[in-house]
C-alpha cells in the first residue's frame, strides 16, 4: 500500500494501481529506443504487472500493532516484502521476459538488504528466477539490463506522483522533481508532450476501509530539456 498526503487526510493507493499508472506513463516514453524495441510489449507488460504480488496484501489496511501506524510498502514486515515477488513472477508464467524483468526489479529495489543474512536466500531465488526466465525467452542479461531502465523509470515516476516524495535514480540518466501535482523529468523523454496522471485512492480516515469512497487525484508528467 502507498499512503499519499491529501490535504488534511491521506489516501491509500494499492501497489497494482501504481504499477498500472507506471505502464500508462511509459507508453508515452519516446527515449532510449523503447518505441522501436521488438520487446516493447513485454517491457510494458512487466511494468504494468511488476507489483501484482501485492494484490492480496493491499486488500486491506495493515496497522503496526505496536504503534497503531498504518503500514505502507516501506514499513510492512520484511517477510511480506519478500513474499510478494514469487507471486508476481508466477503470474507472468506465460511471459518469461516480462517475468525476468520483474525478478531483476525485485533484486534491484531491495539491494540495500544484500548485507542482511535474512535476505540472502531472497537474492539467490530472484537471480535464479531471472536467469531461468531469460533462458526461456532466449535473451541475454545484457539485453535485460538495458531494458530495465524502462521498468525502473516508470516505477519511479509513478511513485513520486503517488507518494508526493522525490525519489531519484541518477544511474539511469534522469532526474525527477515535483512541481505541485506534476512530476518533471529531465532530460525530456516524452518528446515535449505532457502525460496526464490520474490515480484512485481510498481515504484512510474513513471506516471501514473497503467501503470508503474512492478519491481520484490528477496531475501531469512533463519533460524538461
C-alpha atoms as a PDB file:
ATOM      1  CA  UNK A   1       0.000   0.000   0.000  1.00  0.00           C
ATOM      2  CA  UNK A   2       1.091   3.538  -0.770  1.00  0.00           C
ATOM      3  CA  UNK A   3      -0.043   6.312   1.557  1.00  0.00           C
ATOM      4  CA  UNK A   4      -0.401   9.696  -0.177  1.00  0.00           C
ATOM      5  CA  UNK A   5      -0.936  13.038   1.582  1.00  0.00           C
ATOM      6  CA  UNK A   6      -4.236  14.615   0.547  1.00  0.00           C
ATOM      7  CA  UNK A   7      -4.866  17.874   2.368  1.00  0.00           C
ATOM      8  CA  UNK A   8      -5.970  17.117   5.913  1.00  0.00           C
ATOM      9  CA  UNK A   9      -6.356  13.429   5.071  1.00  0.00           C
ATOM     10  CA  UNK A  10      -4.349  10.684   3.423  1.00  0.00           C
ATOM     11  CA  UNK A  11      -5.155   8.356   0.564  1.00  0.00           C
ATOM     12  CA  UNK A  12      -4.324   4.666   0.383  1.00  0.00           C
ATOM     13  CA  UNK A  13      -3.267   3.631  -3.134  1.00  0.00           C
ATOM     14  CA  UNK A  14      -2.714  -0.008  -3.993  1.00  0.00           C
ATOM     15  CA  UNK A  15       0.555  -1.146  -5.481  1.00  0.00           C
ATOM     16  CA  UNK A  16      -1.147  -2.739  -8.523  1.00  0.00           C
ATOM     17  CA  UNK A  17      -2.857   0.605  -9.265  1.00  0.00           C
ATOM     18  CA  UNK A  18       0.505   2.372  -9.002  1.00  0.00           C
ATOM     19  CA  UNK A  19       2.004  -0.169 -11.443  1.00  0.00           C
ATOM     20  CA  UNK A  20      -0.838   0.372 -13.904  1.00  0.00           C
ATOM     21  CA  UNK A  21      -0.101   4.113 -13.817  1.00  0.00           C
ATOM     22  CA  UNK A  22       3.601   3.381 -14.401  1.00  0.00           C
ATOM     23  CA  UNK A  23       2.685   1.457 -17.543  1.00  0.00           C
ATOM     24  CA  UNK A  24       0.489   4.297 -18.849  1.00  0.00           C
ATOM     25  CA  UNK A  25       3.374   6.715 -18.313  1.00  0.00           C
ATOM     26  CA  UNK A  26       5.833   4.518 -20.159  1.00  0.00           C
ATOM     27  CA  UNK A  27       3.521   4.102 -23.152  1.00  0.00           C
ATOM     28  CA  UNK A  28       4.266   7.786 -23.785  1.00  0.00           C
ATOM     29  CA  UNK A  29       8.067   7.352 -23.400  1.00  0.00           C
ATOM     30  CA  UNK A  30       9.935   8.339 -26.563  1.00  0.00           C
ATOM     31  CA  UNK A  31      13.561   7.942 -25.455  1.00  0.00           C
ATOM     32  CA  UNK A  32      16.110   5.125 -25.219  1.00  0.00           C
ATOM     33  CA  UNK A  33      14.679   3.223 -28.170  1.00  0.00           C
ATOM     34  CA  UNK A  34      11.546   1.981 -26.405  1.00  0.00           C
ATOM     35  CA  UNK A  35       9.219   2.847 -29.304  1.00  0.00           C
ATOM     36  CA  UNK A  36      11.262   0.765 -31.736  1.00  0.00           C
ATOM     37  CA  UNK A  37      12.103  -2.111 -29.394  1.00  0.00           C
ATOM     38  CA  UNK A  38      10.905  -5.551 -30.543  1.00  0.00           C
ATOM     39  CA  UNK A  39      10.402  -6.277 -26.835  1.00  0.00           C
ATOM     40  CA  UNK A  40       8.248  -3.200 -26.153  1.00  0.00           C
ATOM     41  CA  UNK A  41       5.055  -5.157 -25.407  1.00  0.00           C
ATOM     42  CA  UNK A  42       6.848  -7.422 -22.945  1.00  0.00           C
ATOM     43  CA  UNK A  43       8.550  -4.452 -21.277  1.00  0.00           C
ATOM     44  CA  UNK A  44       5.220  -2.644 -20.862  1.00  0.00           C
ATOM     45  CA  UNK A  45       3.671  -5.846 -19.507  1.00  0.00           C
ATOM     46  CA  UNK A  46       6.444  -6.120 -16.910  1.00  0.00           C
ATOM     47  CA  UNK A  47       5.864  -2.506 -15.869  1.00  0.00           C
ATOM     48  CA  UNK A  48       2.093  -2.977 -15.606  1.00  0.00           C
ATOM     49  CA  UNK A  49       2.386  -6.218 -13.620  1.00  0.00           C
ATOM     50  CA  UNK A  50       5.523  -5.645 -11.547  1.00  0.00           C
ATOM     51  CA  UNK A  51       3.535  -5.180  -8.322  1.00  0.00           C
ATOM     52  CA  UNK A  52       0.776  -7.728  -8.881  1.00  0.00           C
ATOM     53  CA  UNK A  53       2.111  -9.769  -5.953  1.00  0.00           C
ATOM     54  CA  UNK A  54       0.857  -7.019  -3.622  1.00  0.00           C
ATOM     55  CA  UNK A  55      -2.759  -7.650  -4.634  1.00  0.00           C
ATOM     56  CA  UNK A  56      -3.526  -9.828  -1.614  1.00  0.00           C
ATOM     57  CA  UNK A  57      -1.509  -7.637   0.768  1.00  0.00           C
ATOM     58  CA  UNK A  58      -3.293  -4.458  -0.311  1.00  0.00           C
ATOM     59  CA  UNK A  59      -6.752  -5.931   0.068  1.00  0.00           C
ATOM     60  CA  UNK A  60      -6.937  -4.185   3.434  1.00  0.00           C
ATOM     61  CA  UNK A  61      -5.025  -1.683   5.528  1.00  0.00           C
ATOM     62  CA  UNK A  62      -2.299  -3.114   7.740  1.00  0.00           C
ATOM     63  CA  UNK A  63      -1.609  -1.494  11.082  1.00  0.00           C
ATOM     64  CA  UNK A  64       1.523  -1.820  13.216  1.00  0.00           C
ATOM     65  CA  UNK A  65       0.231  -3.432  16.420  1.00  0.00           C
ATOM     66  CA  UNK A  66       2.896  -1.700  18.499  1.00  0.00           C
ATOM     67  CA  UNK A  67       2.316   1.853  17.286  1.00  0.00           C
ATOM     68  CA  UNK A  68      -1.071   1.874  15.582  1.00  0.00           C
ATOM     69  CA  UNK A  69       0.529   3.414  12.475  1.00  0.00           C
ATOM     70  CA  UNK A  70      -0.653   2.345   9.034  1.00  0.00           C
ATOM     71  CA  UNK A  71       1.976   0.223   7.307  1.00  0.00           C
ATOM     72  CA  UNK A  72       2.870   1.131   3.730  1.00  0.00           C
ATOM     73  CA  UNK A  73       5.037  -0.742   1.249  1.00  0.00           C
ATOM     74  CA  UNK A  74       8.160   0.515   3.008  1.00  0.00           C
ATOM     75  CA  UNK A  75       7.143  -0.364   6.566  1.00  0.00           C
ATOM     76  CA  UNK A  76       5.382  -3.735   6.235  1.00  0.00           C
ATOM     77  CA  UNK A  77       7.371  -6.625   7.732  1.00  0.00           C
ATOM     78  CA  UNK A  78      10.251  -7.969   5.666  1.00  0.00           C
ATOM     79  CA  UNK A  79       8.615 -11.373   5.144  1.00  0.00           C
ATOM     80  CA  UNK A  80       5.763  -9.626   3.316  1.00  0.00           C
ATOM     81  CA  UNK A  81       8.211  -7.634   1.191  1.00  0.00           C
ATOM     82  CA  UNK A  82       9.992 -10.819   0.180  1.00  0.00           C
ATOM     83  CA  UNK A  83       6.853 -12.865  -0.387  1.00  0.00           C
ATOM     84  CA  UNK A  84       5.135 -10.686  -2.970  1.00  0.00           C
ATOM     85  CA  UNK A  85       7.721 -11.305  -5.681  1.00  0.00           C
ATOM     86  CA  UNK A  86       7.265 -15.043  -6.048  1.00  0.00           C
ATOM     87  CA  UNK A  87       3.590 -14.446  -6.771  1.00  0.00           C
ATOM     88  CA  UNK A  88       4.408 -11.654  -9.235  1.00  0.00           C
ATOM     89  CA  UNK A  89       6.802 -13.853 -11.204  1.00  0.00           C
ATOM     90  CA  UNK A  90       4.463 -16.863 -11.164  1.00  0.00           C
ATOM     91  CA  UNK A  91       1.627 -14.746 -12.525  1.00  0.00           C
ATOM     92  CA  UNK A  92       3.806 -13.957 -15.544  1.00  0.00           C
ATOM     93  CA  UNK A  93       4.492 -17.609 -16.329  1.00  0.00           C
ATOM     94  CA  UNK A  94       3.322 -17.120 -19.917  1.00  0.00           C
ATOM     95  CA  UNK A  95       5.623 -14.139 -20.477  1.00  0.00           C
ATOM     96  CA  UNK A  96       9.136 -15.187 -19.457  1.00  0.00           C
ATOM     97  CA  UNK A  97      10.923 -11.985 -20.491  1.00  0.00           C
ATOM     98  CA  UNK A  98       8.472  -9.841 -18.529  1.00  0.00           C
ATOM     99  CA  UNK A  99       8.924 -12.182 -15.558  1.00  0.00           C
ATOM    100  CA  UNK A 100      12.714 -11.833 -15.832  1.00  0.00           C
ATOM    101  CA  UNK A 101      12.393  -8.038 -15.747  1.00  0.00           C
ATOM    102  CA  UNK A 102      10.222  -8.256 -12.621  1.00  0.00           C
ATOM    103  CA  UNK A 103      12.750 -10.539 -10.916  1.00  0.00           C
ATOM    104  CA  UNK A 104      15.515  -8.059 -11.783  1.00  0.00           C
ATOM    105  CA  UNK A 105      13.381  -5.247 -10.362  1.00  0.00           C
ATOM    106  CA  UNK A 106      12.914  -7.117  -7.089  1.00  0.00           C
ATOM    107  CA  UNK A 107      16.647  -7.719  -6.738  1.00  0.00           C
ATOM    108  CA  UNK A 108      17.435  -4.112  -7.637  1.00  0.00           C
ATOM    109  CA  UNK A 109      14.977  -2.227  -5.425  1.00  0.00           C
ATOM    110  CA  UNK A 110      15.884  -4.257  -2.343  1.00  0.00           C
ATOM    111  CA  UNK A 111      19.614  -4.115  -2.991  1.00  0.00           C
ATOM    112  CA  UNK A 112      20.165  -2.277   0.294  1.00  0.00           C
ATOM    113  CA  UNK A 113      19.309  -5.528   2.090  1.00  0.00           C
ATOM    114  CA  UNK A 114      22.089  -7.596   0.492  1.00  0.00           C
ATOM    115  CA  UNK A 115      24.313  -7.420   3.623  1.00  0.00           C
ATOM    116  CA  UNK A 116      21.431  -8.780   5.756  1.00  0.00           C
ATOM    117  CA  UNK A 117      21.669 -12.591   6.160  1.00  0.00           C
ATOM    118  CA  UNK A 118      17.889 -12.855   6.462  1.00  0.00           C
ATOM    119  CA  UNK A 119      17.643 -11.668   2.862  1.00  0.00           C
ATOM    120  CA  UNK A 120      20.358 -13.870   1.360  1.00  0.00           C
ATOM    121  CA  UNK A 121      18.007 -16.562   0.031  1.00  0.00           C
ATOM    122  CA  UNK A 122      15.734 -13.929  -1.492  1.00  0.00           C
ATOM    123  CA  UNK A 123      18.504 -12.658  -3.773  1.00  0.00           C
ATOM    124  CA  UNK A 124      19.564 -16.184  -4.695  1.00  0.00           C
ATOM    125  CA  UNK A 125      15.989 -17.027  -5.685  1.00  0.00           C
ATOM    126  CA  UNK A 126      15.357 -13.810  -7.616  1.00  0.00           C
ATOM    127  CA  UNK A 127      18.556 -14.129  -9.624  1.00  0.00           C
ATOM    128  CA  UNK A 128      17.861 -17.804 -10.391  1.00  0.00           C
ATOM    129  CA  UNK A 129      14.307 -16.910 -11.399  1.00  0.00           C
ATOM    130  CA  UNK A 130      15.568 -14.073 -13.583  1.00  0.00           C
ATOM    131  CA  UNK A 131      18.188 -16.189 -15.320  1.00  0.00           C
ATOM    132  CA  UNK A 132      15.809 -19.099 -15.854  1.00  0.00           C
ATOM    133  CA  UNK A 133      13.185 -16.856 -17.460  1.00  0.00           C
ATOM    134  CA  UNK A 134      15.865 -15.242 -19.605  1.00  0.00           C
ATOM    135  CA  UNK A 135      16.853 -18.639 -20.960  1.00  0.00           C
ATOM    136  CA  UNK A 136      13.208 -19.415 -21.688  1.00  0.00           C
ATOM    137  CA  UNK A 137      12.903 -16.096 -23.529  1.00  0.00           C
ATOM    138  CA  UNK A 138      16.204 -16.653 -25.401  1.00  0.00           C
ATOM    139  CA  UNK A 139      17.517 -13.282 -24.230  1.00  0.00           C
ATOM    140  CA  UNK A 140      20.778 -12.210 -22.611  1.00  0.00           C
ATOM    141  CA  UNK A 141      21.410 -10.485 -19.314  1.00  0.00           C
ATOM    142  CA  UNK A 142      22.898  -7.528 -21.193  1.00  0.00           C
ATOM    143  CA  UNK A 143      19.670  -7.033 -23.137  1.00  0.00           C
ATOM    144  CA  UNK A 144      17.642  -7.248 -19.937  1.00  0.00           C
ATOM    145  CA  UNK A 145      19.817  -4.748 -18.091  1.00  0.00           C
ATOM    146  CA  UNK A 146      19.444  -2.333 -20.991  1.00  0.00           C
ATOM    147  CA  UNK A 147      15.659  -2.682 -20.897  1.00  0.00           C
ATOM    148  CA  UNK A 148      15.437  -2.426 -17.128  1.00  0.00           C
ATOM    149  CA  UNK A 149      15.733   1.387 -17.340  1.00  0.00           C
ATOM    150  CA  UNK A 150      12.117   1.454 -18.535  1.00  0.00           C
ATOM    151  CA  UNK A 151      10.829  -0.594 -15.611  1.00  0.00           C
ATOM    152  CA  UNK A 152      12.680   1.498 -13.077  1.00  0.00           C
ATOM    153  CA  UNK A 153      11.798   4.872 -14.551  1.00  0.00           C
ATOM    154  CA  UNK A 154       8.110   4.009 -14.877  1.00  0.00           C
ATOM    155  CA  UNK A 155       8.120   2.774 -11.299  1.00  0.00           C
ATOM    156  CA  UNK A 156       9.881   5.900 -10.010  1.00  0.00           C
ATOM    157  CA  UNK A 157       7.765   8.467 -11.842  1.00  0.00           C
ATOM    158  CA  UNK A 158       4.571   6.807 -10.664  1.00  0.00           C
ATOM    159  CA  UNK A 159       5.893   6.527  -7.110  1.00  0.00           C
ATOM    160  CA  UNK A 160       6.865  10.196  -6.999  1.00  0.00           C
ATOM    161  CA  UNK A 161       3.347  11.155  -8.070  1.00  0.00           C
ATOM    162  CA  UNK A 162       1.653   8.661  -5.737  1.00  0.00           C
ATOM    163  CA  UNK A 163       3.765   9.419  -2.649  1.00  0.00           C
ATOM    164  CA  UNK A 164       4.418  13.119  -3.337  1.00  0.00           C
ATOM    165  CA  UNK A 165       8.004  12.379  -2.338  1.00  0.00           C
ATOM    166  CA  UNK A 166      11.054  12.849  -4.524  1.00  0.00           C
ATOM    167  CA  UNK A 167      12.976   9.681  -5.349  1.00  0.00           C
ATOM    168  CA  UNK A 168      15.964   9.555  -7.662  1.00  0.00           C
ATOM    169  CA  UNK A 169      17.931   7.005  -9.643  1.00  0.00           C
ATOM    170  CA  UNK A 170      20.601   9.108 -11.379  1.00  0.00           C
ATOM    171  CA  UNK A 171      22.347   5.970 -12.593  1.00  0.00           C
ATOM    172  CA  UNK A 172      19.631   5.728 -15.274  1.00  0.00           C
ATOM    173  CA  UNK A 173      20.367   9.204 -16.641  1.00  0.00           C
ATOM    174  CA  UNK A 174      17.272  11.081 -15.452  1.00  0.00           C
ATOM    175  CA  UNK A 175      16.319  13.328 -12.549  1.00  0.00           C
ATOM    176  CA  UNK A 176      12.845  13.939 -11.145  1.00  0.00           C
ATOM    177  CA  UNK A 177      11.228  16.804  -9.297  1.00  0.00           C
ATOM    178  CA  UNK A 178       7.761  17.740  -8.099  1.00  0.00           C
ATOM    179  CA  UNK A 179       6.002  20.876  -9.339  1.00  0.00           C
ATOM    180  CA  UNK A 180       2.780  20.976  -7.305  1.00  0.00           C
ATOM    181  CA  UNK A 181       0.815  17.908  -8.518  1.00  0.00           C
ATOM    182  CA  UNK A 182       3.106  17.455 -11.521  1.00  0.00           C
ATOM    183  CA  UNK A 183       6.217  15.330 -11.968  1.00  0.00           C
ATOM    184  CA  UNK A 184       9.019  16.849 -14.061  1.00  0.00           C
ATOM    185  CA  UNK A 185      11.575  14.586 -15.758  1.00  0.00           C
ATOM    186  CA  UNK A 186      14.945  15.801 -17.052  1.00  0.00           C
ATOM    187  CA  UNK A 187      16.007  15.362 -19.811  1.00  0.00           C
ATOM    188  CA  UNK A 188      12.622  15.155 -21.539  1.00  0.00           C
ATOM    189  CA  UNK A 189      11.808  11.558 -22.597  1.00  0.00           C
ATOM    190  CA  UNK A 190       8.291  12.380 -23.845  1.00  0.00           C
ATOM    191  CA  UNK A 191       9.037  14.416 -26.949  1.00  0.00           C
ATOM    192  CA  UNK A 192       7.599  17.601 -25.469  1.00  0.00           C
ATOM    193  CA  UNK A 193       4.125  16.138 -24.836  1.00  0.00           C
ATOM    194  CA  UNK A 194       2.811  16.222 -21.252  1.00  0.00           C
ATOM    195  CA  UNK A 195       1.451  12.925 -19.953  1.00  0.00           C
ATOM    196  CA  UNK A 196      -1.797  13.021 -17.924  1.00  0.00           C
ATOM    197  CA  UNK A 197      -1.533  11.373 -14.499  1.00  0.00           C
ATOM    198  CA  UNK A 198      -4.537  10.033 -12.616  1.00  0.00           C
ATOM    199  CA  UNK A 199      -4.920   7.523  -9.805  1.00  0.00           C
ATOM    200  CA  UNK A 200      -7.582   6.464  -7.328  1.00  0.00           C
ATOM    201  CA  UNK A 201      -7.120   6.026  -3.595  1.00  0.00           C
ATOM    202  CA  UNK A 202      -9.283   5.489  -0.540  1.00  0.00           C
ATOM    203  CA  UNK A 203      -9.471   7.940   2.350  1.00  0.00           C
ATOM    204  CA  UNK A 204      -7.701   6.233   5.250  1.00  0.00           C
ATOM    205  CA  UNK A 205      -9.746   8.219   7.764  1.00  0.00           C
ATOM    206  CA  UNK A 206     -12.935   6.521   6.562  1.00  0.00           C
ATOM    207  CA  UNK A 207     -14.132   3.254   8.078  1.00  0.00           C
ATOM    208  CA  UNK A 208     -14.493   0.521   7.148  1.00  0.00           C
ATOM    209  CA  UNK A 209     -11.673   0.866   4.657  1.00  0.00           C
ATOM    210  CA  UNK A 210     -13.117  -1.384   1.951  1.00  0.00           C
ATOM    211  CA  UNK A 211     -16.266   0.707   1.689  1.00  0.00           C
ATOM    212  CA  UNK A 212     -14.515   4.083   1.868  1.00  0.00           C
ATOM    213  CA  UNK A 213     -15.209   6.291  -1.150  1.00  0.00           C
ATOM    214  CA  UNK A 214     -12.607   6.324  -3.887  1.00  0.00           C
ATOM    215  CA  UNK A 215     -10.864   9.639  -4.474  1.00  0.00           C
ATOM    216  CA  UNK A 216      -9.154  10.482  -7.770  1.00  0.00           C
ATOM    217  CA  UNK A 217      -6.048  12.664  -7.861  1.00  0.00           C
ATOM    218  CA  UNK A 218      -4.676  14.036 -11.115  1.00  0.00           C
ATOM    219  CA  UNK A 219      -1.612  15.810 -12.445  1.00  0.00           C
ATOM    220  CA  UNK A 220       0.843  15.785 -15.320  1.00  0.00           C
ATOM    221  CA  UNK A 221       4.192  14.247 -16.085  1.00  0.00           C
ATOM    222  CA  UNK A 222       6.284  16.753 -18.043  1.00  0.00           C
ATOM    223  CA  UNK A 223       9.728  16.653 -19.524  1.00  0.00           C
ATOM    224  CA  UNK A 224      12.313  19.438 -19.432  1.00  0.00           C
ATOM    225  CA  UNK A 225      15.435  19.723 -21.563  1.00  0.00           C
END
